[in-house]
Amino acid sequence: MTAQTWIDETKNLLLTDYVEEYDTLGTALNTTETNVNFTHDTPGIVAGSIIEIGTELMYIFSMNASTNNATVQRGFRGTTAASHSSGDLITVNPKFPSQLVLNAINDELADLSSPQNGLYQMKTVEFTYNIAQDGYNLTGVTDDILSVYQVTYKDTGSENTEPVVPTWTLRRDRNTSSFASGYALVLHDDANSGQTVRVQYKTGFTALAATSTALSTVGLHSEAYDLPAIGAALRLMSTRPVRREFIDEQGSSRRAEEVPAGAISASMRDLRALRDTRINSEATRLDTQYPTFWQRSGGKTQNSAYRGA
């Protein structure tokens, strides 16, 4: 699955059974061509309308109905002009442009790992222990570390265990000439010299670069794949009505009684409740998968005794 999956799911939540107007591209376009040929005679494609191909929006300056050709402004509203193939789907006056939806999905992914929501992905980094060294650069880490979950090292004994390093300090914003990642992990307990130290850390989710980006790169557990679309739809609803609150439908005005007062607020309330429930469920799953242990003394520890920040 790719980012397009979440874009489609978001639009389904917003549009439900509302059908937008579509056409297909008659001839291929490069990134600079401003003459667009359409396959069909689509009523909504007129001067002043907006069309979408992929994530690119185009503004129609003029339309020749006899030839089905239009003169357009490429890369409209901050979208990027791209090459398009003959037969590509065209959306006419899209209610929720794909780039806008993708941006909302990325905003939602960033918000899911906020302190209020508390979701995260778990990553690991390793380094070799040196008995003469206390502080270690977390080589290759480019993420914003939310917190370190656990520090362990490879045991040299026959037990083949992975003992926990009891106490450590994560120092942030270090001088990159000494710690290239900007992080320094200081170990306050010895491991075995020459052995591999493994650090598990929590970090936020990875943004989607394009509609073709695989969902597996985000770091969100597959059981929570419904969350980004729900949150993105809620964000977009704050500025635009969902299908049943659209004032226009297929070009005709809707009667006032079809759009009762408070309908938008009710729709947002329902989606917000669903989002909150799903976030709580995912947080519970993470707590189960990565539990907080209790020491025999009764002190609470995050899988390892943690000193400083």
Protein backbone atom coordinates (compact mmCIF):
# COMPACT_ATOMS: atom_id res chain seq x y z
CA MET A 1 0.00 0.00 0.00
CA THR A 2 1.10 3.54 -0.73
CA ALA A 3 0.21 7.06 0.37
CA GLN A 4 -2.47 7.04 -2.32
CA THR A 5 -4.35 4.50 -0.18
CA TRP A 6 -4.65 6.98 2.70
CA ILE A 7 -5.52 9.80 0.30
CA ASP A 8 -8.38 7.74 -1.14
CA GLU A 9 -9.60 6.70 2.33
CA THR A 10 -9.58 10.32 3.49
CA LYS A 11 -11.61 11.42 0.48
CA ASN A 12 -14.06 8.56 1.05
CA LEU A 13 -14.68 9.81 4.60
CA LEU A 14 -15.24 13.35 3.35
CA LEU A 15 -17.20 12.71 0.16
CA THR A 16 -19.05 9.46 1.01
CA ASP A 17 -21.40 8.97 -1.98
CA TYR A 18 -20.80 12.41 -3.50
CA VAL A 19 -19.53 11.91 -7.06
CA GLU A 20 -17.13 14.48 -8.46
CA GLU A 21 -16.88 15.21 -12.16
CA TYR A 22 -14.13 13.39 -14.07
CA ASP A 23 -12.51 13.24 -17.48
CA THR A 24 -9.34 11.71 -18.90
CA LEU A 25 -6.33 13.27 -20.56
CA GLY A 26 -6.45 13.07 -24.34
CA THR A 27 -2.74 13.54 -25.01
CA ALA A 28 0.35 13.31 -22.80
CA LEU A 29 1.71 16.41 -21.07
CA ASN A 30 5.26 17.34 -20.17
CA THR A 31 6.02 19.66 -17.26
CA THR A 32 5.72 22.89 -19.27
CA GLU A 33 2.92 22.28 -21.79
CA THR A 34 -0.02 24.65 -21.22
CA ASN A 35 -2.45 23.21 -23.77
CA VAL A 36 -4.54 20.37 -22.33
CA ASN A 37 -6.62 18.03 -24.46
CA PHE A 38 -9.59 16.20 -22.92
CA THR A 39 -11.04 12.87 -24.03
CA HIS A 40 -14.69 13.70 -23.30
CA ASP A 41 -17.06 16.64 -23.50
CA THR A 42 -17.31 17.39 -19.78
CA PRO A 43 -19.68 20.27 -18.85
CA GLY A 44 -17.68 21.40 -15.82
CA ILE A 45 -14.50 22.07 -17.78
CA VAL A 46 -14.89 25.74 -18.60
CA ALA A 47 -12.86 28.92 -18.23
CA GLY A 48 -12.35 29.64 -14.54
CA SER A 49 -12.55 26.03 -13.40
CA ILE A 50 -9.76 23.99 -11.80
CA ILE A 51 -8.67 20.52 -12.83
CA GLU A 52 -6.45 18.02 -11.03
CA ILE A 53 -4.17 15.38 -12.53
CA GLY A 54 -2.27 13.38 -9.94
CA THR A 55 -1.43 15.96 -7.30
CA GLU A 56 -1.07 18.83 -9.75
CA LEU A 57 -3.76 21.50 -10.00
CA MET A 58 -4.29 23.52 -13.16
CA TYR A 59 -6.36 26.65 -13.67
CA ILE A 60 -8.26 26.90 -16.97
CA PHE A 61 -7.92 30.28 -18.66
CA SER A 62 -9.90 29.37 -21.76
CA MET A 63 -11.70 26.35 -23.19
CA ASN A 64 -12.40 25.46 -26.82
CA ALA A 65 -15.43 23.17 -26.65
CA SER A 66 -15.22 22.23 -30.33
CA THR A 67 -11.71 20.75 -29.94
CA ASN A 68 -11.82 19.85 -26.24
CA ASN A 69 -8.63 21.84 -25.69
CA ALA A 70 -7.95 24.24 -22.83
CA THR A 71 -5.23 26.75 -22.05
CA VAL A 72 -4.15 26.32 -18.44
CA GLN A 73 -1.89 27.60 -15.67
CA ARG A 74 0.32 24.73 -14.54
CA GLY A 75 1.21 24.03 -10.91
CA PHE A 76 -1.71 26.05 -9.59
CA ARG A 77 -2.00 26.85 -5.84
CA GLY A 78 1.52 25.76 -5.02
CA THR A 79 1.33 22.29 -6.55
CA THR A 80 4.19 20.96 -8.67
CA ALA A 81 3.91 20.68 -12.43
CA ALA A 82 4.55 17.08 -13.48
CA SER A 83 4.47 14.93 -16.59
CA HIS A 84 1.19 13.13 -17.26
CA SER A 85 0.28 10.29 -19.60
CA SER A 86 -2.57 10.01 -22.06
CA GLY A 87 -5.57 8.49 -20.32
CA ASP A 88 -4.68 9.83 -16.86
CA LEU A 89 -7.72 10.62 -14.73
CA ILE A 90 -8.74 14.28 -14.43
CA THR A 91 -10.82 15.54 -11.51
CA VAL A 92 -12.85 18.66 -12.26
CA ASN A 93 -13.07 21.27 -9.47
CA PRO A 94 -11.92 18.80 -6.78
CA LYS A 95 -13.49 19.36 -3.38
CA PHE A 96 -10.37 18.08 -1.64
CA PRO A 97 -7.27 18.20 -3.87
CA SER A 98 -4.88 15.29 -3.39
CA GLN A 99 -1.91 17.45 -2.41
CA LEU A 100 -4.04 19.15 0.24
CA VAL A 101 -5.06 15.73 1.56
CA LEU A 102 -1.46 14.48 1.55
CA ASN A 103 -0.38 17.55 3.52
CA ALA A 104 -3.16 16.94 6.05
CA ILE A 105 -2.07 13.30 6.41
CA ASN A 106 1.51 14.36 7.14
CA ASP A 107 0.27 16.92 9.66
CA GLU A 108 -1.72 14.17 11.35
CA LEU A 109 1.28 11.83 11.44
CA ALA A 110 3.31 14.54 13.17
CA ASP A 111 0.53 15.20 15.68
CA LEU A 112 0.07 11.53 16.58
CA SER A 113 3.48 11.51 18.28
CA SER A 114 2.84 14.71 20.24
CA PRO A 115 2.86 14.44 24.06
CA GLN A 116 -0.93 14.75 24.08
CA ASN A 117 -1.42 11.70 21.85
CA GLY A 118 1.68 9.76 22.81
CA LEU A 119 2.08 7.43 19.83
CA TYR A 120 5.48 6.60 18.37
CA GLN A 121 7.56 4.21 16.36
CA MET A 122 10.42 2.25 17.91
CA LYS A 123 13.85 2.30 16.29
CA THR A 124 17.26 0.95 17.25
CA VAL A 125 20.86 2.06 16.93
CA GLU A 126 23.98 0.14 17.92
CA PHE A 127 27.58 0.97 18.81
CA THR A 128 30.62 -0.87 20.16
CA TYR A 129 31.36 -0.49 23.86
CA ASN A 130 34.75 0.89 24.86
CA ILE A 131 35.62 0.60 28.55
CA ALA A 132 37.67 3.80 28.35
CA GLN A 133 34.75 5.80 26.94
CA ASP A 134 31.59 7.09 28.63
CA GLY A 135 29.79 9.12 25.93
CA TYR A 136 28.78 7.71 22.56
CA ASN A 137 27.49 9.30 19.38
CA LEU A 138 24.29 7.69 18.09
CA THR A 139 25.66 7.19 14.59
CA GLY A 140 23.12 7.40 11.80
CA VAL A 141 20.31 8.79 13.94
CA THR A 142 18.60 11.65 12.12
CA ASP A 143 15.27 11.36 13.92
CA ASP A 144 14.00 13.51 16.75
CA ILE A 145 14.36 11.13 19.70
CA LEU A 146 11.29 11.35 21.93
CA SER A 147 12.85 9.14 24.60
CA VAL A 148 15.18 6.19 25.02
CA TYR A 149 13.28 3.04 25.91
CA GLN A 150 16.03 0.57 26.70
CA VAL A 151 19.82 0.13 26.53
CA THR A 152 21.22 -3.40 26.41
CA TYR A 153 24.48 -5.08 25.46
CA LYS A 154 25.50 -8.45 24.08
CA ASP A 155 26.53 -10.90 26.76
CA THR A 156 29.78 -12.83 26.26
CA GLY A 157 28.63 -15.73 28.42
CA SER A 158 27.04 -18.99 27.35
CA GLU A 159 23.61 -17.80 28.52
CA ASN A 160 23.26 -15.80 25.31
CA THR A 161 21.33 -13.09 27.14
CA GLU A 162 21.13 -9.36 26.46
CA PRO A 163 21.62 -7.64 29.83
CA VAL A 164 20.20 -4.19 30.47
CA VAL A 165 22.54 -1.26 31.05
CA PRO A 166 20.94 0.06 34.28
CA THR A 167 21.79 3.76 34.17
CA TRP A 168 22.49 6.16 31.33
CA THR A 169 21.92 9.76 30.29
CA LEU A 170 20.74 10.99 26.90
CA ARG A 171 22.19 14.41 26.15
CA ARG A 172 20.67 16.45 23.35
CA ASP A 173 21.91 19.27 21.13
CA ARG A 174 25.55 18.24 21.45
CA ASN A 175 28.33 19.83 19.42
CA THR A 176 28.23 17.95 16.12
CA SER A 177 32.01 18.12 15.79
CA SER A 178 32.13 15.65 18.69
CA PHE A 179 28.73 13.97 18.30
CA ALA A 180 27.66 14.06 14.65
CA SER A 181 24.06 13.05 15.40
CA GLY A 182 23.66 15.85 17.96
CA TYR A 183 22.98 13.19 20.60
CA ALA A 184 25.34 11.76 23.19
CA LEU A 185 24.43 8.67 25.19
CA VAL A 186 26.46 8.52 28.39
CA LEU A 187 26.64 5.11 30.07
CA HIS A 188 27.04 5.11 33.85
CA ASP A 189 27.50 1.35 34.11
CA ASP A 190 30.02 -0.92 32.45
CA ALA A 191 29.27 -3.39 29.71
CA ASN A 192 31.71 -5.82 28.13
CA SER A 193 34.48 -4.09 26.21
CA GLY A 194 34.23 -4.66 22.47
CA GLN A 195 30.65 -5.83 22.66
CA THR A 196 27.68 -4.34 20.85
CA VAL A 197 25.44 -1.95 22.77
CA ARG A 198 21.88 -1.73 21.47
CA VAL A 199 19.72 1.35 22.06
CA GLN A 200 15.96 1.27 21.51
CA TYR A 201 14.40 4.71 21.19
CA LYS A 202 11.00 6.20 20.51
CA THR A 203 10.60 8.65 17.67
CA GLY A 204 7.82 10.24 15.63
CA PHE A 205 6.42 8.92 12.39
CA THR A 206 8.05 9.49 9.00
CA ALA A 207 6.27 11.86 6.62
CA LEU A 208 5.09 10.69 3.21
CA ALA A 209 7.09 12.29 0.39
CA ALA A 210 4.73 11.44 -2.48
CA THR A 211 1.58 9.52 -3.36
CA SER A 212 3.76 6.54 -4.35
CA THR A 213 5.57 6.36 -0.99
CA ALA A 214 5.01 3.00 0.72
CA LEU A 215 3.05 3.12 3.98
CA SER A 216 5.59 0.75 5.52
CA THR A 217 8.13 3.61 5.59
CA VAL A 218 6.00 5.66 8.02
CA GLY A 219 6.63 3.46 11.06
CA LEU A 220 2.98 3.19 12.04
CA HIS A 221 1.77 -0.27 13.01
CA SER A 222 -0.51 -1.75 10.35
CA GLU A 223 -3.32 -2.12 12.90
CA ALA A 224 -3.39 1.68 13.13
CA TYR A 225 -3.45 2.36 9.39
CA ASP A 226 -6.96 3.80 9.69
CA LEU A 227 -5.78 6.65 11.95
CA PRO A 228 -4.10 9.01 9.43
CA ALA A 229 -7.18 9.14 7.18
CA ILE A 230 -9.52 9.80 10.12
CA GLY A 231 -7.32 12.60 11.44
CA ALA A 232 -6.73 14.12 8.00
CA ALA A 233 -10.47 14.15 7.28
CA LEU A 234 -11.08 15.91 10.59
CA ARG A 235 -8.48 18.55 9.77
CA LEU A 236 -9.96 19.18 6.33
CA MET A 237 -13.48 19.36 7.74
CA SER A 238 -12.44 22.34 9.85
CA THR A 239 -12.32 24.45 6.68
CA ARG A 240 -14.60 22.57 4.28
CA PRO A 241 -17.91 20.72 4.74
CA VAL A 242 -18.29 17.01 4.22
CA ARG A 243 -20.53 15.64 1.50
CA ARG A 244 -23.88 15.95 3.24
CA GLU A 245 -23.13 19.58 4.09
CA PHE A 246 -22.09 20.58 0.57
CA ILE A 247 -24.18 23.56 -0.50
CA ASP A 248 -23.95 22.44 -4.11
CA GLU A 249 -24.48 18.94 -5.43
CA GLN A 250 -23.91 18.10 -9.07
CA GLY A 251 -24.23 21.79 -9.93
CA SER A 252 -27.56 22.45 -8.22
CA SER A 253 -28.16 24.37 -4.99
CA ARG A 254 -29.24 22.35 -1.97
CA ARG A 255 -32.27 23.32 0.07
CA ALA A 256 -31.64 24.82 3.50
CA GLU A 257 -33.53 22.00 5.23
CA GLU A 258 -31.07 19.51 3.72
CA VAL A 259 -28.20 21.21 5.55
CA PRO A 260 -29.47 21.75 9.12
CA ALA A 261 -27.69 24.10 11.49
CA GLY A 262 -24.92 22.34 13.37
CA ALA A 263 -24.52 19.55 10.83
CA ILE A 264 -20.85 20.33 10.29
CA SER A 265 -20.19 20.46 14.03
CA ALA A 266 -21.95 17.12 14.50
CA SER A 267 -19.87 15.51 11.75
CA MET A 268 -16.66 16.82 13.27
CA ARG A 269 -17.72 15.64 16.72
CA ASP A 270 -18.33 12.11 15.44
CA LEU A 271 -14.98 11.93 13.67
CA ARG A 272 -13.15 13.42 16.65
CA ALA A 273 -14.68 10.80 18.96
CA LEU A 274 -13.63 8.04 16.57
CA ARG A 275 -10.10 9.46 16.36
CA ASP A 276 -9.78 9.71 20.15
CA THR A 277 -10.98 6.12 20.58
CA ARG A 278 -8.55 4.79 18.01
CA ILE A 279 -5.61 6.74 19.45
CA ASN A 280 -6.37 5.33 22.91
CA SER A 281 -6.54 1.82 21.47
CA GLU A 282 -3.21 2.19 19.70
CA ALA A 283 -1.61 3.70 22.83
CA THR A 284 -2.80 0.66 24.81
CA ARG A 285 -1.30 -1.67 22.20
CA LEU A 286 2.05 0.13 22.43
CA ASP A 287 1.96 -0.01 26.24
CA THR A 288 1.42 -3.76 26.01
CA GLN A 289 4.17 -4.26 23.45
CA TYR A 290 6.66 -1.99 25.25
CA PRO A 291 5.68 -2.16 28.93
CA THR A 292 7.03 -0.15 31.82
CA PHE A 293 8.51 -2.47 34.40
CA TRP A 294 8.49 -2.18 38.18
CA GLN A 295 11.61 -2.86 40.21
CA ARG A 296 11.41 -4.97 43.37
CA SER A 297 12.01 -1.85 45.44
CA GLY A 298 8.76 -0.49 44.05
CA GLY A 299 10.42 2.16 41.93
CA LYS A 300 9.11 2.68 38.43
CA THR A 301 11.58 2.40 35.58
CA GLN A 302 11.25 2.66 31.81
CA ASN A 303 12.79 -0.79 31.23
CA SER A 304 16.05 0.65 32.58
CA ALA A 305 16.98 3.11 35.25
CA TYR A 306 17.19 6.50 33.63
CA ARG A 307 19.34 9.35 34.86
CA GLY A 308 18.90 12.82 33.43
CA ALA A 309 17.64 13.89 30.01
